[in-house]
PDB file of all heavy atoms in Angstrom:
ATOM      1  N   ASP A   1       2.552   9.024   4.701  1.00  0.00           N
ATOM      2  CA  ASP A   1       1.583   8.599   5.712  1.00  0.00           C
ATOM      3  C   ASP A   1       0.709   7.498   5.108  1.00  0.00           C
ATOM      4  O   ASP A   1       0.970   7.006   4.001  1.00  0.00           O
ATOM      5  CB  ASP A   1       0.755   9.777   6.221  1.00  0.00           C
ATOM      6  CG  ASP A   1      -0.220  10.320   5.174  1.00  0.00           C
ATOM      7  OD1 ASP A   1      -0.109   9.945   3.979  1.00  0.00           O
ATOM      8  OD2 ASP A   1      -1.098  11.130   5.549  1.00  0.00           O
ATOM      9  N   GLU A   2      -0.321   7.110   5.830  1.00  0.00           N
ATOM     10  CA  GLU A   2      -1.193   6.016   5.365  1.00  0.00           C
ATOM     11  C   GLU A   2      -1.847   6.333   4.027  1.00  0.00           C
ATOM     12  O   GLU A   2      -2.009   5.450   3.182  1.00  0.00           O
ATOM     13  CB  GLU A   2      -2.274   5.738   6.412  1.00  0.00           C
ATOM     14  CG  GLU A   2      -1.799   4.967   7.612  1.00  0.00           C
ATOM     15  CD  GLU A   2      -2.963   4.568   8.501  1.00  0.00           C
ATOM     16  OE1 GLU A   2      -3.705   3.644   8.129  1.00  0.00           O
ATOM     17  OE2 GLU A   2      -3.135   5.215   9.554  1.00  0.00           O
ATOM     18  N   LYS A   3      -2.228   7.605   3.863  1.00  0.00           N
ATOM     19  CA  LYS A   3      -2.896   7.983   2.615  1.00  0.00           C
ATOM     20  C   LYS A   3      -1.969   7.797   1.427  1.00  0.00           C
ATOM     21  O   LYS A   3      -2.389   7.324   0.364  1.00  0.00           O
ATOM     22  CB  LYS A   3      -3.373   9.432   2.702  1.00  0.00           C
ATOM     23  CG  LYS A   3      -4.204   9.875   1.507  1.00  0.00           C
ATOM     24  CD  LYS A   3      -4.716  11.297   1.673  1.00  0.00           C
ATOM     25  CE  LYS A   3      -5.837  11.352   2.685  1.00  0.00           C
ATOM     26  NZ  LYS A   3      -6.459  12.703   2.737  1.00  0.00           N
ATOM     27  N   THR A   4      -0.690   8.163   1.593  1.00  0.00           N
ATOM     28  CA  THR A   4       0.282   7.979   0.507  1.00  0.00           C
ATOM     29  C   THR A   4       0.397   6.497   0.138  1.00  0.00           C
ATOM     30  O   THR A   4       0.346   6.131  -1.046  1.00  0.00           O
ATOM     31  CB  THR A   4       1.668   8.500   0.946  1.00  0.00           C
ATOM     32  OG1 THR A   4       1.545   9.707   1.697  1.00  0.00           O
ATOM     33  CG2 THR A   4       2.554   8.744  -0.253  1.00  0.00           C
ATOM     34  N   VAL A   5       0.546   5.666   1.165  1.00  0.00           N
ATOM     35  CA  VAL A   5       0.686   4.218   0.924  1.00  0.00           C
ATOM     36  C   VAL A   5      -0.581   3.670   0.279  1.00  0.00           C
ATOM     37  O   VAL A   5      -0.523   2.821  -0.631  1.00  0.00           O
ATOM     38  CB  VAL A   5       0.985   3.479   2.247  1.00  0.00           C
ATOM     39  CG1 VAL A   5       1.062   1.976   2.022  1.00  0.00           C
ATOM     40  CG2 VAL A   5       2.290   3.990   2.855  1.00  0.00           C
ATOM     41  N   TRP A   6      -1.725   4.160   0.732  1.00  0.00           N
ATOM     42  CA  TRP A   6      -3.011   3.711   0.173  1.00  0.00           C
ATOM     43  C   TRP A   6      -3.092   4.020  -1.322  1.00  0.00           C
ATOM     44  O   TRP A   6      -3.442   3.156  -2.127  1.00  0.00           O
ATOM     45  CB  TRP A   6      -4.135   4.374   0.948  1.00  0.00           C
ATOM     46  CG  TRP A   6      -5.474   4.442   0.264  1.00  0.00           C
ATOM     47  CD1 TRP A   6      -6.150   5.565  -0.102  1.00  0.00           C
ATOM     48  CD2 TRP A   6      -6.335   3.357  -0.101  1.00  0.00           C
ATOM     49  NE1 TRP A   6      -7.353   5.254  -0.681  1.00  0.00           N
ATOM     50  CE2 TRP A   6      -7.486   3.901  -0.693  1.00  0.00           C
ATOM     51  CE3 TRP A   6      -6.219   1.971   0.005  1.00  0.00           C
ATOM     52  CZ2 TRP A   6      -8.519   3.127  -1.168  1.00  0.00           C
ATOM     53  CZ3 TRP A   6      -7.260   1.178  -0.485  1.00  0.00           C
ATOM     54  CH2 TRP A   6      -8.395   1.754  -1.054  1.00  0.00           C
ATOM     55  N   TYR A   7      -2.736   5.252  -1.706  1.00  0.00           N
ATOM     56  CA  TYR A   7      -2.767   5.631  -3.125  1.00  0.00           C
ATOM     57  C   TYR A   7      -1.830   4.744  -3.944  1.00  0.00           C
ATOM     58  O   TYR A   7      -2.204   4.231  -5.012  1.00  0.00           O
ATOM     59  CB  TYR A   7      -2.351   7.093  -3.302  1.00  0.00           C
ATOM     60  CG  TYR A   7      -3.378   8.108  -2.849  1.00  0.00           C
ATOM     61  CD1 TYR A   7      -2.961   9.349  -2.345  1.00  0.00           C
ATOM     62  CD2 TYR A   7      -4.735   7.869  -2.953  1.00  0.00           C
ATOM     63  CE1 TYR A   7      -3.872  10.307  -1.944  1.00  0.00           C
ATOM     64  CE2 TYR A   7      -5.659   8.818  -2.546  1.00  0.00           C
ATOM     65  CZ  TYR A   7      -5.227  10.042  -2.031  1.00  0.00           C
ATOM     66  OH  TYR A   7      -6.145  10.988  -1.633  1.00  0.00           O
ATOM     67  N   LEU A   8      -0.605   4.545  -3.464  1.00  0.00           N
ATOM     68  CA  LEU A   8       0.383   3.765  -4.214  1.00  0.00           C
ATOM     69  C   LEU A   8       0.001   2.287  -4.287  1.00  0.00           C
ATOM     70  O   LEU A   8       0.038   1.676  -5.364  1.00  0.00           O
ATOM     71  CB  LEU A   8       1.761   3.913  -3.555  1.00  0.00           C
ATOM     72  CG  LEU A   8       2.435   5.289  -3.647  1.00  0.00           C
ATOM     73  CD1 LEU A   8       3.657   5.345  -2.749  1.00  0.00           C
ATOM     74  CD2 LEU A   8       2.813   5.614  -5.088  1.00  0.00           C
ATOM     75  N   ALA A   9      -0.364   1.714  -3.129  1.00  0.00           N
ATOM     76  CA  ALA A   9      -0.681   0.276  -3.096  1.00  0.00           C
ATOM     77  C   ALA A   9      -1.940  -0.030  -3.897  1.00  0.00           C
ATOM     78  O   ALA A   9      -1.997  -1.051  -4.613  1.00  0.00           O
ATOM     79  CB  ALA A   9      -0.845  -0.178  -1.644  1.00  0.00           C
ATOM     80  N   ARG A  10      -2.957   0.829  -3.771  1.00  0.00           N
ATOM     81  CA  ARG A  10      -4.187   0.580  -4.539  1.00  0.00           C
ATOM     82  C   ARG A  10      -3.916   0.666  -6.031  1.00  0.00           C
ATOM     83  O   ARG A  10      -4.441  -0.135  -6.826  1.00  0.00           O
ATOM     84  CB  ARG A  10      -5.265   1.600  -4.143  1.00  0.00           C
ATOM     85  CG  ARG A  10      -6.600   1.327  -4.826  1.00  0.00           C
ATOM     86  CD  ARG A  10      -7.693   2.249  -4.359  1.00  0.00           C
ATOM     87  NE  ARG A  10      -7.437   3.649  -4.674  1.00  0.00           N
ATOM     88  CZ  ARG A  10      -8.371   4.596  -4.654  1.00  0.00           C
ATOM     89  NH1 ARG A  10      -9.605   4.307  -4.276  1.00  0.00           N
ATOM     90  NH2 ARG A  10      -8.061   5.838  -4.954  1.00  0.00           N
ATOM     91  N   SER A  11      -3.097   1.631  -6.441  1.00  0.00           N
ATOM     92  CA  SER A  11      -2.758   1.764  -7.860  1.00  0.00           C
ATOM     93  C   SER A  11      -2.009   0.523  -8.355  1.00  0.00           C
ATOM     94  O   SER A  11      -2.307  -0.014  -9.432  1.00  0.00           O
ATOM     95  CB  SER A  11      -1.907   3.025  -8.059  1.00  0.00           C
ATOM     96  OG  SER A  11      -1.527   3.154  -9.404  1.00  0.00           O
ATOM     97  N   ALA A  12      -1.049   0.031  -7.545  1.00  0.00           N
ATOM     98  CA  ALA A  12      -0.298  -1.174  -7.933  1.00  0.00           C
ATOM     99  C   ALA A  12      -1.224  -2.381  -8.034  1.00  0.00           C
ATOM    100  O   ALA A  12      -1.139  -3.174  -8.980  1.00  0.00           O
ATOM    101  CB  ALA A  12       0.811  -1.429  -6.910  1.00  0.00           C
ATOM    102  N   TYR A  13      -2.133  -2.513  -7.067  1.00  0.00           N
ATOM    103  CA  TYR A  13      -3.073  -3.645  -7.045  1.00  0.00           C
ATOM    104  C   TYR A  13      -3.960  -3.637  -8.292  1.00  0.00           C
ATOM    105  O   TYR A  13      -4.175  -4.680  -8.922  1.00  0.00           O
ATOM    106  CB  TYR A  13      -3.909  -3.574  -5.774  1.00  0.00           C
ATOM    107  CG  TYR A  13      -4.991  -4.618  -5.690  1.00  0.00           C
ATOM    108  CD1 TYR A  13      -4.687  -5.971  -5.495  1.00  0.00           C
ATOM    109  CD2 TYR A  13      -6.333  -4.264  -5.809  1.00  0.00           C
ATOM    110  CE1 TYR A  13      -5.687  -6.925  -5.423  1.00  0.00           C
ATOM    111  CE2 TYR A  13      -7.338  -5.204  -5.737  1.00  0.00           C
ATOM    112  CZ  TYR A  13      -7.014  -6.542  -5.545  1.00  0.00           C
ATOM    113  OH  TYR A  13      -8.009  -7.484  -5.477  1.00  0.00           O
ATOM    114  N   ARG A  14      -4.480  -2.441  -8.631  1.00  0.00           N
ATOM    115  CA  ARG A  14      -5.372  -2.342  -9.793  1.00  0.00           C
ATOM    116  C   ARG A  14      -4.643  -2.607 -11.106  1.00  0.00           C
ATOM    117  O   ARG A  14      -5.261  -2.977 -12.103  1.00  0.00           O
ATOM    118  CB  ARG A  14      -6.015  -0.957  -9.829  1.00  0.00           C
ATOM    119  CG  ARG A  14      -7.073  -0.771  -8.750  1.00  0.00           C
ATOM    120  CD  ARG A  14      -7.736   0.582  -8.842  1.00  0.00           C
ATOM    121  NE  ARG A  14      -8.865   0.681  -7.944  1.00  0.00           N
ATOM    122  CZ  ARG A  14      -9.634   1.762  -7.811  1.00  0.00           C
ATOM    123  NH1 ARG A  14      -9.348   2.843  -8.522  1.00  0.00           N
ATOM    124  NH2 ARG A  14     -10.655   1.770  -6.990  1.00  0.00           N
ATOM    125  N   GLN A  15      -3.331  -2.423 -11.090  1.00  0.00           N
ATOM    126  CA  GLN A  15      -2.547  -2.698 -12.295  1.00  0.00           C
ATOM    127  C   GLN A  15      -2.010  -4.125 -12.300  1.00  0.00           C
ATOM    128  O   GLN A  15      -1.222  -4.496 -13.167  1.00  0.00           O
ATOM    129  CB  GLN A  15      -1.394  -1.693 -12.402  1.00  0.00           C
ATOM    130  CG  GLN A  15      -1.853  -0.268 -12.652  1.00  0.00           C
ATOM    131  CD  GLN A  15      -0.708   0.728 -12.683  1.00  0.00           C
ATOM    132  OE1 GLN A  15       0.386   0.419 -13.154  1.00  0.00           O
ATOM    133  NE2 GLN A  15      -0.953   1.929 -12.201  1.00  0.00           N
ATOM    134  N   GLY A  16      -2.428  -4.911 -11.302  1.00  0.00           N
ATOM    135  CA  GLY A  16      -2.030  -6.315 -11.256  1.00  0.00           C
ATOM    136  C   GLY A  16      -0.661  -6.554 -10.659  1.00  0.00           C
ATOM    137  O   GLY A  16      -0.150  -7.683 -10.698  1.00  0.00           O
ATOM    138  N   GLN A  17      -0.071  -5.524 -10.058  1.00  0.00           N
ATOM    139  CA  GLN A  17       1.252  -5.677  -9.447  1.00  0.00           C
ATOM    140  C   GLN A  17       1.068  -6.035  -7.968  1.00  0.00           C
ATOM    141  O   GLN A  17       1.286  -5.217  -7.075  1.00  0.00           O
ATOM    142  CB  GLN A  17       2.071  -4.393  -9.612  1.00  0.00           C
ATOM    143  CG  GLN A  17       2.280  -3.983 -11.069  1.00  0.00           C
ATOM    144  CD  GLN A  17       3.141  -2.743 -11.202  1.00  0.00           C
ATOM    145  OE1 GLN A  17       4.220  -2.650 -10.603  1.00  0.00           O
ATOM    146  NE2 GLN A  17       2.673  -1.792 -11.996  1.00  0.00           N
ATOM    147  N   ILE A  18       0.678  -7.278  -7.730  1.00  0.00           N
ATOM    148  CA  ILE A  18       0.310  -7.718  -6.383  1.00  0.00           C
ATOM    149  C   ILE A  18       1.497  -7.670  -5.428  1.00  0.00           C
ATOM    150  O   ILE A  18       1.385  -7.177  -4.295  1.00  0.00           O
ATOM    151  CB  ILE A  18      -0.265  -9.151  -6.428  1.00  0.00           C
ATOM    152  CG1 ILE A  18      -1.421  -9.243  -7.458  1.00  0.00           C
ATOM    153  CG2 ILE A  18      -0.744  -9.569  -5.038  1.00  0.00           C
ATOM    154  CD1 ILE A  18      -2.559  -8.295  -7.202  1.00  0.00           C
ATOM    155  N   SER A  19       2.639  -8.163  -5.870  1.00  0.00           N
ATOM    156  CA  SER A  19       3.800  -8.198  -4.978  1.00  0.00           C
ATOM    157  C   SER A  19       4.264  -6.782  -4.623  1.00  0.00           C
ATOM    158  O   SER A  19       4.700  -6.525  -3.496  1.00  0.00           O
ATOM    159  CB  SER A  19       4.942  -8.983  -5.629  1.00  0.00           C
ATOM    160  OG  SER A  19       5.318  -8.386  -6.855  1.00  0.00           O
ATOM    161  N   LYS A  20       4.170  -5.850  -5.589  1.00  0.00           N
ATOM    162  CA  LYS A  20       4.561  -4.467  -5.308  1.00  0.00           C
ATOM    163  C   LYS A  20       3.610  -3.850  -4.298  1.00  0.00           C
ATOM    164  O   LYS A  20       4.037  -3.153  -3.360  1.00  0.00           O
ATOM    165  CB  LYS A  20       4.584  -3.634  -6.589  1.00  0.00           C
ATOM    166  CG  LYS A  20       4.906  -2.160  -6.349  1.00  0.00           C
ATOM    167  CD  LYS A  20       4.961  -1.391  -7.639  1.00  0.00           C
ATOM    168  CE  LYS A  20       6.336  -1.245  -8.174  1.00  0.00           C
ATOM    169  NZ  LYS A  20       7.335  -0.680  -7.301  1.00  0.00           N
ATOM    170  N   ALA A  21       2.301  -4.088  -4.460  1.00  0.00           N
ATOM    171  CA  ALA A  21       1.317  -3.551  -3.523  1.00  0.00           C
ATOM    172  C   ALA A  21       1.580  -4.083  -2.123  1.00  0.00           C
ATOM    173  O   ALA A  21       1.536  -3.325  -1.131  1.00  0.00           O
ATOM    174  CB  ALA A  21      -0.096  -3.917  -3.973  1.00  0.00           C
ATOM    175  N   ARG A  22       1.888  -5.390  -2.027  1.00  0.00           N
ATOM    176  CA  ARG A  22       2.162  -6.000  -0.715  1.00  0.00           C
ATOM    177  C   ARG A  22       3.437  -5.414  -0.115  1.00  0.00           C
ATOM    178  O   ARG A  22       3.496  -5.131   1.079  1.00  0.00           O
ATOM    179  CB  ARG A  22       2.291  -7.517  -0.875  1.00  0.00           C
ATOM    180  CG  ARG A  22       2.410  -8.251   0.453  1.00  0.00           C
ATOM    181  CD  ARG A  22       2.601  -9.744   0.251  1.00  0.00           C
ATOM    182  NE  ARG A  22       1.482 -10.356  -0.426  1.00  0.00           N
ATOM    183  CZ  ARG A  22       1.508 -10.840  -1.670  1.00  0.00           C
ATOM    184  NH1 ARG A  22       2.631 -10.756  -2.386  1.00  0.00           N
ATOM    185  NH2 ARG A  22       0.454 -11.387  -2.217  1.00  0.00           N
ATOM    186  N   GLN A  23       4.442  -5.206  -0.953  1.00  0.00           N
ATOM    187  CA  GLN A  23       5.715  -4.670  -0.463  1.00  0.00           C
ATOM    188  C   GLN A  23       5.554  -3.240   0.064  1.00  0.00           C
ATOM    189  O   GLN A  23       6.128  -2.876   1.097  1.00  0.00           O
ATOM    190  CB  GLN A  23       6.749  -4.698  -1.598  1.00  0.00           C
ATOM    191  CG  GLN A  23       8.161  -4.326  -1.155  1.00  0.00           C
ATOM    192  CD  GLN A  23       8.739  -5.353  -0.187  1.00  0.00           C
ATOM    193  OE1 GLN A  23       8.639  -6.552  -0.429  1.00  0.00           O
ATOM    194  NE2 GLN A  23       9.323  -4.878   0.901  1.00  0.00           N
ATOM    195  N   LEU A  24       4.750  -2.441  -0.634  1.00  0.00           N
ATOM    196  CA  LEU A  24       4.506  -1.056  -0.205  1.00  0.00           C
ATOM    197  C   LEU A  24       3.879  -1.023   1.192  1.00  0.00           C
ATOM    198  O   LEU A  24       4.250  -0.197   2.032  1.00  0.00           O
ATOM    199  CB  LEU A  24       3.598  -0.342  -1.214  1.00  0.00           C
ATOM    200  CG  LEU A  24       4.249   0.088  -2.534  1.00  0.00           C
ATOM    201  CD1 LEU A  24       3.186   0.398  -3.586  1.00  0.00           C
ATOM    202  CD2 LEU A  24       5.137   1.316  -2.309  1.00  0.00           C
ATOM    203  N   ILE A  25       2.943  -1.933   1.435  1.00  0.00           N
ATOM    204  CA  ILE A  25       2.281  -1.973   2.738  1.00  0.00           C
ATOM    205  C   ILE A  25       3.217  -2.522   3.809  1.00  0.00           C
ATOM    206  O   ILE A  25       3.287  -1.997   4.922  1.00  0.00           O
ATOM    207  CB  ILE A  25       0.984  -2.805   2.662  1.00  0.00           C
ATOM    208  CG1 ILE A  25      -0.029  -2.123   1.718  1.00  0.00           C
ATOM    209  CG2 ILE A  25       0.370  -2.979   4.053  1.00  0.00           C
ATOM    210  CD1 ILE A  25      -1.282  -2.919   1.468  1.00  0.00           C
ATOM    211  N   ASP A  26       3.970  -3.551   3.458  1.00  0.00           N
ATOM    212  CA  ASP A  26       4.889  -4.159   4.437  1.00  0.00           C
ATOM    213  C   ASP A  26       5.990  -3.185   4.850  1.00  0.00           C
ATOM    214  O   ASP A  26       6.460  -3.210   5.995  1.00  0.00           O
ATOM    215  CB  ASP A  26       5.510  -5.431   3.868  1.00  0.00           C
ATOM    216  CG  ASP A  26       4.490  -6.563   3.738  1.00  0.00           C
ATOM    217  OD1 ASP A  26       3.425  -6.464   4.382  1.00  0.00           O
ATOM    218  OD2 ASP A  26       4.761  -7.516   2.981  1.00  0.00           O
ATOM    219  N   ASP A  27       6.410  -2.315   3.930  1.00  0.00           N
ATOM    220  CA  ASP A  27       7.487  -1.370   4.223  1.00  0.00           C
ATOM    221  C   ASP A  27       7.015  -0.210   5.115  1.00  0.00           C
ATOM    222  O   ASP A  27       7.852   0.510   5.669  1.00  0.00           O
ATOM    223  CB  ASP A  27       8.066  -0.781   2.927  1.00  0.00           C
ATOM    224  CG  ASP A  27       8.888  -1.810   2.152  1.00  0.00           C
ATOM    225  OD1 ASP A  27       9.228  -2.856   2.741  1.00  0.00           O
ATOM    226  OD2 ASP A  27       9.161  -1.575   0.958  1.00  0.00           O
ATOM    227  N   PHE A  28       5.705  -0.057   5.239  1.00  0.00           N
ATOM    228  CA  PHE A  28       5.168   1.031   6.071  1.00  0.00           C
ATOM    229  C   PHE A  28       5.162   0.557   7.521  1.00  0.00           C
ATOM    230  O   PHE A  28       4.452  -0.383   7.886  1.00  0.00           O
ATOM    231  CB  PHE A  28       3.747   1.377   5.611  1.00  0.00           C
ATOM    232  CG  PHE A  28       3.166   2.592   6.306  1.00  0.00           C
ATOM    233  CD1 PHE A  28       3.716   3.842   6.122  1.00  0.00           C
ATOM    234  CD2 PHE A  28       2.064   2.468   7.140  1.00  0.00           C
ATOM    235  CE1 PHE A  28       3.182   4.958   6.745  1.00  0.00           C
ATOM    236  CE2 PHE A  28       1.522   3.571   7.774  1.00  0.00           C
ATOM    237  CZ  PHE A  28       2.088   4.822   7.576  1.00  0.00           C
ATOM    238  N   THR A  29       5.976   1.176   8.355  1.00  0.00           N
ATOM    239  CA  THR A  29       6.224   0.666   9.709  1.00  0.00           C
ATOM    240  C   THR A  29       5.226   1.166  10.750  1.00  0.00           C
ATOM    241  O   THR A  29       5.138   0.595  11.835  1.00  0.00           O
ATOM    242  CB  THR A  29       7.637   1.064  10.160  1.00  0.00           C
ATOM    243  OG1 THR A  29       7.777   2.493  10.076  1.00  0.00           O
ATOM    244  CG2 THR A  29       8.692   0.415   9.269  1.00  0.00           C
ATOM    245  N   LEU A  30       4.475   2.219  10.439  1.00  0.00           N
ATOM    246  CA  LEU A  30       3.544   2.766  11.430  1.00  0.00           C
ATOM    247  C   LEU A  30       2.269   1.921  11.479  1.00  0.00           C
ATOM    248  O   LEU A  30       1.926   1.236  10.507  1.00  0.00           O
ATOM    249  CB  LEU A  30       3.199   4.214  11.089  1.00  0.00           C
ATOM    250  CG  LEU A  30       4.370   5.211  11.139  1.00  0.00           C
ATOM    251  CD1 LEU A  30       3.896   6.593  10.688  1.00  0.00           C
ATOM    252  CD2 LEU A  30       4.960   5.289  12.534  1.00  0.00           C
ATOM    253  N   PRO A  31       1.513   1.970  12.594  1.00  0.00           N
ATOM    254  CA  PRO A  31       0.252   1.222  12.684  1.00  0.00           C
ATOM    255  C   PRO A  31      -0.743   1.674  11.617  1.00  0.00           C
ATOM    256  O   PRO A  31      -0.845   2.873  11.332  1.00  0.00           O
ATOM    257  CB  PRO A  31      -0.251   1.553  14.087  1.00  0.00           C
ATOM    258  CG  PRO A  31       0.946   2.012  14.848  1.00  0.00           C
ATOM    259  CD  PRO A  31       1.847   2.659  13.860  1.00  0.00           C
ATOM    260  N   ILE A  32      -1.445   0.733  11.047  1.00  0.00           N
ATOM    261  CA  ILE A  32      -2.438   1.054  10.008  1.00  0.00           C
ATOM    262  C   ILE A  32      -3.802   1.219  10.664  1.00  0.00           C
ATOM    263  O   ILE A  32      -4.303   0.308  11.327  1.00  0.00           O
ATOM    264  CB  ILE A  32      -2.470  -0.054   8.937  1.00  0.00           C
ATOM    265  CG1 ILE A  32      -1.130  -0.092   8.193  1.00  0.00           C
ATOM    266  CG2 ILE A  32      -3.616   0.178   7.965  1.00  0.00           C
ATOM    267  CD1 ILE A  32      -1.019  -1.214   7.182  1.00  0.00           C
ATOM    268  N   THR A  33      -4.396   2.375  10.464  1.00  0.00           N
ATOM    269  CA  THR A  33      -5.716   2.665  11.059  1.00  0.00           C
ATOM    270  C   THR A  33      -6.761   2.968   9.995  1.00  0.00           C
ATOM    271  O   THR A  33      -7.955   2.873  10.259  1.00  0.00           O
ATOM    272  CB  THR A  33      -5.611   3.873  12.011  1.00  0.00           C
ATOM    273  OG1 THR A  33      -5.145   5.013  11.286  1.00  0.00           O
ATOM    274  CG2 THR A  33      -4.654   3.576  13.162  1.00  0.00           C
ATOM    275  N   GLN A  34      -6.354   3.347   8.802  1.00  0.00           N
ATOM    276  CA  GLN A  34      -7.294   3.727   7.744  1.00  0.00           C
ATOM    277  C   GLN A  34      -8.037   2.499   7.220  1.00  0.00           C
ATOM    278  O   GLN A  34      -7.405   1.500   6.839  1.00  0.00           O
ATOM    279  CB  GLN A  34      -6.535   4.417   6.605  1.00  0.00           C
ATOM    280  CG  GLN A  34      -7.438   5.055   5.564  1.00  0.00           C
ATOM    281  CD  GLN A  34      -6.630   5.604   4.403  1.00  0.00           C
ATOM    282  OE1 GLN A  34      -6.163   4.839   3.560  1.00  0.00           O
ATOM    283  NE2 GLN A  34      -6.437   6.911   4.381  1.00  0.00           N
ATOM    284  N   PRO A  35      -9.373   2.546   7.201  1.00  0.00           N
ATOM    285  CA  PRO A  35     -10.143   1.359   6.777  1.00  0.00           C
ATOM    286  C   PRO A  35      -9.768   0.859   5.389  1.00  0.00           C
ATOM    287  O   PRO A  35      -9.650  -0.349   5.174  1.00  0.00           O
ATOM    288  CB  PRO A  35     -11.600   1.851   6.813  1.00  0.00           C
ATOM    289  CG  PRO A  35     -11.585   3.010   7.752  1.00  0.00           C
ATOM    290  CD  PRO A  35     -10.250   3.658   7.611  1.00  0.00           C
TER     291      PRO A  35
END
């Protein structure tokens, strides 16, 4: 769900893996509602 993607993408972003963080979000097909 959104929380799972948030945990993974934020962790990737903080580790400097920008493309991985972007890919994780892009692969999530449901509407994003979490701030």
